[in-house]
Amino acid sequence: MLALVLRENSFQIESLPKPILGEGEVLVKISYAALNHRDQWIREGKYPKIVFPCVLGSDGVGEVVDVYNNENNYWLNKKVIINPNINWGLNNYVQDKNYHILGMPTYGTLAEYLKVNVDRLVIKPDYLSLEEAAAIPLAGLTAWNAVFNKGALAPEKKILVSGVGGGVAQFAFLFANAINSSVYVSSSKNSVLEKCIALGAKEGINYTIENNLKNKAKEIGGFDVIVDSAGGDQINDLLTCLKPNGKLVFYGATLGAPNKLNVALMFWNHLSLIGSTMGSDQDFLTMIDFINKHQIKPILDETFSLDNAIAAFDKMKSGNQFGKIIIKI
C-alpha cells in the first residue's frame, strides 16, 4: 500500500505492506484523511516522544474491507469515521497514562489502508460527504470537550472563540452556533471574520486593533466562556473579558506560557482557567450524534491528492487556510 511516511531524514510517499489484522481488528480502506496542526508539529520535530518511522494522520473516513473476527462482519462495506483515541481509559474526564492519538506512534490515516480495533468505528452520517466526514474526528472532539464539558456552554450564554482560523476553533464556533448561543469570534484577518459572520457568528472582532476585544467585552457585559489555543501573555487580556464566574478554556499554548497570571482578578471574579484536550470515547459518540442531529457541516479549505500531500502540509504551515485541509487517498 502507499503511505506518507515520516522518517528521521525523509518525508515521502512509500510502499508499505498492507496491515495484517489481529484479534478485534478491522481493515479500513481510507478514502479521505484530514490534516491537523499536530501532524505538522510532528513533521517539524516539535511534538513529544516522536517515534520513527511513522504514518501521520489522525482524521480519516473510509470503507471496511476486511475483519478478523466473523462476529464483526456487520461492518463489512460500511462507510465509517475513525475515532483517533487510542487507550483513552475508563475515566471520561481525563485520559489514561498510556493514551496516545492515532497517527504516531500507531500508524495513521495518510495511507491506503489502516487497521484499527472495531470499537474505533462510527458509521458515517448519510448527509455528510466523505470529505466532510474526514474533517471531524480530532478537531471536532477537542472542540466538543472544550465547549461543552469544560466550558459548560448553554444557549443563553455568550462565548468568544479566540483565533477562529484554526480547525478546533471552527468546530467550537459551529457547535456553539448550533445551540443558538451568542457566538463571537476573533481573528487577525477580516476575511475570516466576515466568513464566520456569514455562517452565523453574532460578531467578529479583529484582535490586532488595540483594545478592540476589551471594548467589545465591556459593551456586552463580558463573555461567559472563552475558548483559546494560543496561551501566552494574552491570557490575562482574555481573563479581563470574562463575566464574573466565567470560564477560560484553553486546549493549546502556541504562544507558550504567560510570564505572569493575574490571580487577583481570577479569585475576585470567581474565574476558572481550565485546560482541555481531546474528549473520551463516549464524548466521541455523543459528538457524532450531536453533529448528526444538527446537520453540522465542517468548514473545508482545499483537497489535495496523496501524492501532493507535502504541499498540503506546507499550506497548513503557512496558515493561509480557512477550514480543514483534506487529503484524497
Protein backbone atom coordinates (compact mmCIF):
# COMPACT_ATOMS: atom_id res chain seq x y z
CA MET A 1 0.00 0.00 0.00
CA LEU A 2 1.04 3.61 -0.48
CA ALA A 3 1.54 5.79 2.58
CA LEU A 4 3.11 9.11 3.50
CA VAL A 5 5.96 8.02 5.77
CA LEU A 6 7.90 10.27 8.11
CA ARG A 7 11.43 9.11 8.93
CA GLU A 8 14.26 10.93 10.69
CA ASN A 9 15.68 12.17 7.40
CA SER A 10 12.80 11.89 4.93
CA PHE A 11 9.11 12.58 4.45
CA GLN A 12 7.76 10.96 1.32
CA ILE A 13 5.31 8.52 -0.27
CA GLU A 14 6.48 4.94 0.21
CA SER A 15 5.13 1.47 -0.43
CA LEU A 16 4.41 -0.38 2.83
CA PRO A 17 2.98 -3.85 3.45
CA LYS A 18 -0.78 -3.95 3.84
CA PRO A 19 -1.61 -4.28 7.58
CA ILE A 20 -2.17 -7.77 8.97
CA LEU A 21 -5.21 -7.98 11.22
CA GLY A 22 -5.30 -9.35 14.75
CA GLU A 23 -7.97 -10.06 17.32
CA GLY A 24 -10.78 -7.48 17.26
CA GLU A 25 -9.30 -5.53 14.36
CA VAL A 26 -10.76 -4.44 11.02
CA LEU A 27 -9.16 -3.14 7.85
CA VAL A 28 -10.37 0.22 6.54
CA LYS A 29 -9.65 1.34 3.00
CA ILE A 30 -9.13 5.05 3.60
CA SER A 31 -11.00 7.38 1.24
CA TYR A 32 -10.05 10.76 2.70
CA ALA A 33 -7.88 11.99 5.54
CA ALA A 34 -7.61 15.47 7.04
CA LEU A 35 -4.67 17.36 8.49
CA ASN A 36 -4.32 18.80 11.97
CA HIS A 37 -1.60 21.06 13.34
CA ARG A 38 -0.44 18.04 15.34
CA ASP A 39 0.68 16.45 12.06
CA GLN A 40 2.78 19.46 11.11
CA TRP A 41 4.29 19.73 14.60
CA ILE A 42 5.37 16.10 14.42
CA ARG A 43 6.83 16.73 10.96
CA GLU A 44 8.84 19.63 12.40
CA GLY A 45 10.02 17.63 15.42
CA LYS A 46 8.08 19.84 17.84
CA TYR A 47 5.95 17.08 19.37
CA PRO A 48 6.96 14.95 22.38
CA LYS A 49 8.10 11.34 22.10
CA ILE A 50 8.22 11.11 18.30
CA VAL A 51 8.75 7.56 17.06
CA PHE A 52 10.22 6.87 13.61
CA PRO A 53 9.11 5.72 11.15
CA CYS A 54 5.50 6.84 11.40
CA VAL A 55 2.49 7.38 9.18
CA LEU A 56 0.78 10.59 10.26
CA GLY A 57 -2.92 11.37 10.15
CA SER A 58 -5.47 11.29 12.99
CA ASP A 59 -8.55 12.04 10.89
CA GLY A 60 -9.97 9.62 8.38
CA VAL A 61 -13.03 8.16 6.72
CA GLY A 62 -13.24 5.02 4.61
CA GLU A 63 -14.83 1.65 3.96
CA VAL A 64 -14.34 -1.50 5.99
CA VAL A 65 -12.97 -4.15 3.60
CA ASP A 66 -11.90 -6.93 5.98
CA VAL A 67 -12.47 -8.12 9.55
CA TYR A 68 -10.53 -10.55 11.74
CA ASN A 69 -13.49 -11.86 13.73
CA ASN A 70 -16.62 -13.15 11.99
CA GLU A 71 -18.83 -11.50 14.59
CA ASN A 72 -17.69 -8.16 13.16
CA ASN A 73 -19.00 -8.95 9.67
CA TYR A 74 -21.68 -6.30 10.22
CA TRP A 75 -19.03 -3.67 9.49
CA LEU A 76 -18.03 -5.02 6.10
CA ASN A 77 -18.62 -2.47 3.30
CA LYS A 78 -19.75 0.17 5.79
CA LYS A 79 -18.56 3.77 5.39
CA VAL A 80 -17.04 4.74 8.71
CA ILE A 81 -15.44 7.60 10.64
CA ILE A 82 -12.48 6.58 12.80
CA ASN A 83 -12.18 7.63 16.44
CA PRO A 84 -8.50 8.67 16.84
CA ASN A 85 -8.34 7.97 20.59
CA ILE A 86 -6.02 5.10 21.49
CA ASN A 87 -6.31 3.81 25.09
CA TRP A 88 -8.27 6.76 26.49
CA GLY A 89 -9.17 4.66 29.54
CA LEU A 90 -12.21 4.36 31.80
CA ASN A 91 -12.24 7.90 33.21
CA ASN A 92 -14.43 10.09 30.99
CA TYR A 93 -12.83 13.25 32.39
CA VAL A 94 -9.15 12.63 31.73
CA GLN A 95 -7.07 10.32 29.55
CA ASP A 96 -5.11 7.32 30.84
CA LYS A 97 -1.32 7.45 31.21
CA ASN A 98 -0.99 5.04 28.26
CA TYR A 99 -3.12 7.22 25.99
CA HIS A 100 -1.98 8.42 22.59
CA ILE A 101 -3.55 9.65 19.37
CA LEU A 102 -3.80 7.79 16.09
CA GLY A 103 -1.06 8.88 13.71
CA MET A 104 2.07 8.43 15.85
CA PRO A 105 3.23 6.05 17.15
CA THR A 106 0.28 4.00 15.85
CA TYR A 107 0.24 4.34 12.06
CA GLY A 108 -2.37 6.85 10.93
CA THR A 109 -4.74 7.69 8.11
CA LEU A 110 -2.34 9.04 5.47
CA ALA A 111 -2.21 5.60 3.89
CA GLU A 112 -4.34 3.49 1.58
CA TYR A 113 -5.24 1.06 4.37
CA LEU A 114 -5.49 1.30 8.14
CA LYS A 115 -6.09 -1.38 10.73
CA VAL A 116 -7.97 -0.35 13.88
CA ASN A 117 -9.92 -2.01 16.64
CA VAL A 118 -13.57 -2.36 15.73
CA ASP A 119 -14.54 -0.16 18.67
CA ARG A 120 -12.89 2.80 16.88
CA LEU A 121 -15.58 2.82 14.19
CA VAL A 122 -18.65 5.01 13.85
CA ILE A 123 -21.00 4.89 10.88
CA LYS A 124 -20.63 7.97 8.67
CA PRO A 125 -23.75 10.17 8.80
CA ASP A 126 -25.56 9.99 5.46
CA TYR A 127 -25.82 13.75 4.98
CA LEU A 128 -22.04 14.25 5.11
CA SER A 129 -19.79 13.80 2.11
CA LEU A 130 -16.69 11.68 2.59
CA GLU A 131 -14.52 14.81 2.62
CA GLU A 132 -16.70 16.45 5.27
CA ALA A 133 -16.73 13.34 7.43
CA ALA A 134 -12.93 13.07 7.27
CA ALA A 135 -12.60 16.56 8.74
CA ILE A 136 -14.36 15.81 12.02
CA PRO A 137 -12.50 13.49 14.42
CA LEU A 138 -9.62 15.22 16.20
CA ALA A 139 -10.68 18.85 15.91
CA GLY A 140 -14.34 18.07 16.48
CA LEU A 141 -13.68 16.02 19.61
CA THR A 142 -11.27 18.61 21.02
CA ALA A 143 -13.82 21.38 20.44
CA TRP A 144 -16.60 19.30 21.98
CA ASN A 145 -14.65 18.75 25.18
CA ALA A 146 -13.67 22.40 25.46
CA VAL A 147 -17.06 23.91 24.68
CA PHE A 148 -19.48 21.58 26.45
CA ASN A 149 -17.62 19.51 29.05
CA LYS A 150 -15.18 22.16 30.27
CA GLY A 151 -16.97 25.35 29.21
CA ALA A 152 -20.49 24.13 30.11
CA LEU A 153 -21.85 26.29 27.30
CA ALA A 154 -25.62 26.73 27.16
CA PRO A 155 -27.91 28.53 24.66
CA GLU A 156 -28.28 31.65 26.77
CA LYS A 157 -24.53 32.11 27.21
CA LYS A 158 -22.08 34.36 25.36
CA ILE A 159 -18.96 32.66 24.02
CA LEU A 160 -15.82 34.03 22.41
CA VAL A 161 -13.96 31.67 20.10
CA SER A 162 -10.45 33.10 20.00
CA GLY A 163 -8.34 32.67 16.87
CA VAL A 164 -11.17 31.22 14.83
CA GLY A 165 -8.94 30.37 11.85
CA GLY A 166 -7.88 27.03 13.37
CA GLY A 167 -9.72 23.74 12.92
CA VAL A 168 -10.68 23.22 16.59
CA ALA A 169 -11.81 26.83 16.88
CA GLN A 170 -14.02 26.49 13.82
CA PHE A 171 -15.74 23.43 15.29
CA ALA A 172 -16.18 25.31 18.57
CA PHE A 173 -17.86 28.09 16.59
CA LEU A 174 -20.09 25.64 14.69
CA PHE A 175 -21.10 23.75 17.85
CA ALA A 176 -21.90 26.91 19.81
CA ASN A 177 -23.84 28.32 16.90
CA ALA A 178 -25.87 25.10 16.61
CA ILE A 179 -27.33 25.54 20.11
CA ASN A 180 -28.08 29.24 19.47
CA SER A 181 -25.53 30.65 21.87
CA SER A 182 -24.33 34.19 21.23
CA VAL A 183 -21.10 33.40 19.38
CA TYR A 184 -18.36 35.99 18.99
CA VAL A 185 -15.21 35.16 17.08
CA SER A 186 -11.80 36.82 16.95
CA SER A 187 -9.09 36.72 14.33
CA SER A 188 -6.34 38.88 12.86
CA LYS A 189 -7.95 38.51 9.42
CA ASN A 190 -11.07 40.44 8.49
CA SER A 191 -11.78 37.97 5.68
CA VAL A 192 -12.05 35.13 8.23
CA LEU A 193 -14.34 37.21 10.45
CA GLU A 194 -16.60 38.01 7.50
CA LYS A 195 -16.88 34.32 6.58
CA CYS A 196 -17.80 33.37 10.14
CA ILE A 197 -20.45 36.09 10.31
CA ALA A 198 -21.91 34.74 7.06
CA LEU A 199 -22.03 31.30 8.72
CA GLY A 200 -23.88 32.60 11.79
CA ALA A 201 -21.45 34.31 14.18
CA LYS A 202 -23.02 37.21 16.04
CA GLU A 203 -19.94 39.39 15.60
CA GLY A 204 -16.31 39.23 14.56
CA ILE A 205 -13.53 41.01 16.44
CA ASN A 206 -10.13 41.84 14.94
CA TYR A 207 -7.82 41.44 17.92
CA THR A 208 -4.93 43.28 16.24
CA ILE A 209 -6.75 46.58 16.83
CA GLU A 210 -5.74 47.90 20.25
CA ASN A 211 -8.38 47.38 22.97
CA ASN A 212 -10.86 46.08 20.37
CA LEU A 213 -11.54 42.88 22.28
CA LYS A 214 -11.71 44.53 25.71
CA ASN A 215 -14.06 47.23 24.44
CA LYS A 216 -16.40 44.65 22.95
CA ALA A 217 -16.41 42.64 26.16
CA LYS A 218 -17.24 45.77 28.16
CA GLU A 219 -20.02 46.66 25.73
CA ILE A 220 -21.78 43.29 26.07
CA GLY A 221 -21.11 42.75 29.77
CA GLY A 222 -18.39 40.15 29.28
CA PHE A 223 -18.26 36.60 27.96
CA ASP A 224 -19.44 33.55 29.86
CA VAL A 225 -16.98 31.29 28.08
CA ILE A 226 -13.80 31.87 26.08
CA VAL A 227 -12.03 29.05 24.23
CA ASP A 228 -8.43 29.66 23.21
CA SER A 229 -5.42 27.77 21.87
CA ALA A 230 -2.71 30.43 21.97
CA GLY A 231 -1.95 30.95 25.66
CA GLY A 232 0.96 33.33 26.29
CA ASP A 233 0.65 36.72 27.93
CA GLN A 234 -2.64 37.44 26.16
CA ILE A 235 -4.26 35.05 28.68
CA ASN A 236 -4.54 38.00 31.09
CA ASP A 237 -6.30 40.11 28.48
CA LEU A 238 -8.79 37.31 27.86
CA LEU A 239 -9.44 36.93 31.59
CA THR A 240 -10.46 40.61 31.78
CA CYS A 241 -13.07 39.88 29.07
CA LEU A 242 -14.92 37.30 31.16
CA LYS A 243 -18.04 37.86 33.22
CA PRO A 244 -17.78 37.03 36.93
CA ASN A 245 -17.83 33.22 37.24
CA GLY A 246 -16.71 32.98 33.61
CA LYS A 247 -14.59 30.18 32.18
CA LEU A 248 -11.48 30.43 30.00
CA VAL A 249 -10.82 27.04 28.43
CA PHE A 250 -7.51 26.52 26.63
CA TYR A 251 -6.61 23.49 24.53
CA GLY A 252 -3.17 24.61 23.38
CA ALA A 253 -0.38 27.09 24.02
CA THR A 254 1.17 28.11 20.73
CA LEU A 255 2.42 31.32 22.37
CA GLY A 256 3.84 29.42 25.32
CA ALA A 257 3.19 30.06 29.00
CA PRO A 258 2.32 33.55 30.29
CA ASN A 259 5.08 35.38 32.16
CA LYS A 260 2.61 36.14 34.92
CA LEU A 261 -1.02 35.40 35.70
CA ASN A 262 -3.49 37.87 37.18
CA VAL A 263 -4.59 35.62 40.02
CA ALA A 264 -6.19 38.51 41.94
CA LEU A 265 -8.58 39.10 39.05
CA MET A 266 -9.33 35.38 38.95
CA PHE A 267 -10.20 34.86 42.61
CA TRP A 268 -12.03 38.16 42.98
CA ASN A 269 -14.27 37.43 39.98
CA HIS A 270 -14.51 33.68 40.59
CA LEU A 271 -12.97 32.94 37.19
CA SER A 272 -11.95 29.49 36.02
CA LEU A 273 -8.89 28.80 33.85
CA ILE A 274 -9.35 25.26 32.54
CA GLY A 275 -7.05 23.06 30.49
CA SER A 276 -8.57 20.69 27.96
CA THR A 277 -7.50 18.05 25.44
CA MET A 278 -9.48 15.70 23.24
CA GLY A 279 -12.52 14.05 24.81
CA SER A 280 -13.30 10.48 25.78
CA ASP A 281 -14.63 7.67 23.62
CA GLN A 282 -18.11 8.38 24.97
CA ASP A 283 -17.66 12.05 24.05
CA PHE A 284 -16.82 10.97 20.50
CA LEU A 285 -20.11 9.09 20.17
CA THR A 286 -22.04 11.96 21.73
CA MET A 287 -20.35 14.46 19.41
CA ILE A 288 -21.24 12.43 16.30
CA ASP A 289 -24.87 12.21 17.49
CA PHE A 290 -24.89 15.99 18.01
CA ILE A 291 -23.41 16.64 14.57
CA ASN A 292 -25.99 14.33 13.02
CA LYS A 293 -28.89 15.91 14.91
CA HIS A 294 -27.93 19.46 13.95
CA GLN A 295 -26.71 18.54 10.45
CA ILE A 296 -23.43 20.34 11.06
CA LYS A 297 -21.10 20.55 8.09
CA PRO A 298 -17.39 21.16 8.70
CA ILE A 299 -15.69 24.10 7.02
CA LEU A 300 -13.37 22.78 4.31
CA ASP A 301 -10.49 24.60 2.68
CA GLU A 302 -8.88 22.54 -0.09
CA THR A 303 -8.45 18.91 -1.11
CA PHE A 304 -5.05 17.53 -2.16
CA SER A 305 -4.13 14.15 -3.61
CA LEU A 306 -1.95 11.81 -1.53
CA ASP A 307 0.98 12.27 -3.93
CA ASN A 308 0.73 16.02 -3.33
CA ALA A 309 0.28 15.73 0.44
CA ILE A 310 3.52 17.55 1.30
CA ALA A 311 2.12 20.64 -0.43
CA ALA A 312 -0.91 20.30 1.87
CA PHE A 313 1.39 20.25 4.90
CA ASP A 314 3.19 23.33 3.59
CA LYS A 315 -0.12 25.15 3.22
CA MET A 316 -1.04 24.32 6.80
CA LYS A 317 2.33 25.63 7.96
CA SER A 318 1.76 28.91 6.09
CA GLY A 319 -1.52 29.48 7.96
CA ASN A 320 -3.32 30.61 4.82
CA GLN A 321 -6.17 28.10 5.01
CA PHE A 322 -9.73 28.68 6.20
CA GLY A 323 -11.19 25.32 7.16
CA LYS A 324 -9.83 21.82 7.14
CA ILE A 325 -7.25 20.65 4.59
CA ILE A 326 -8.28 17.31 3.12
CA ILE A 327 -6.16 14.57 1.53
CA LYS A 328 -7.74 12.24 -1.04
CA ILE A 329 -6.12 8.85 -0.59
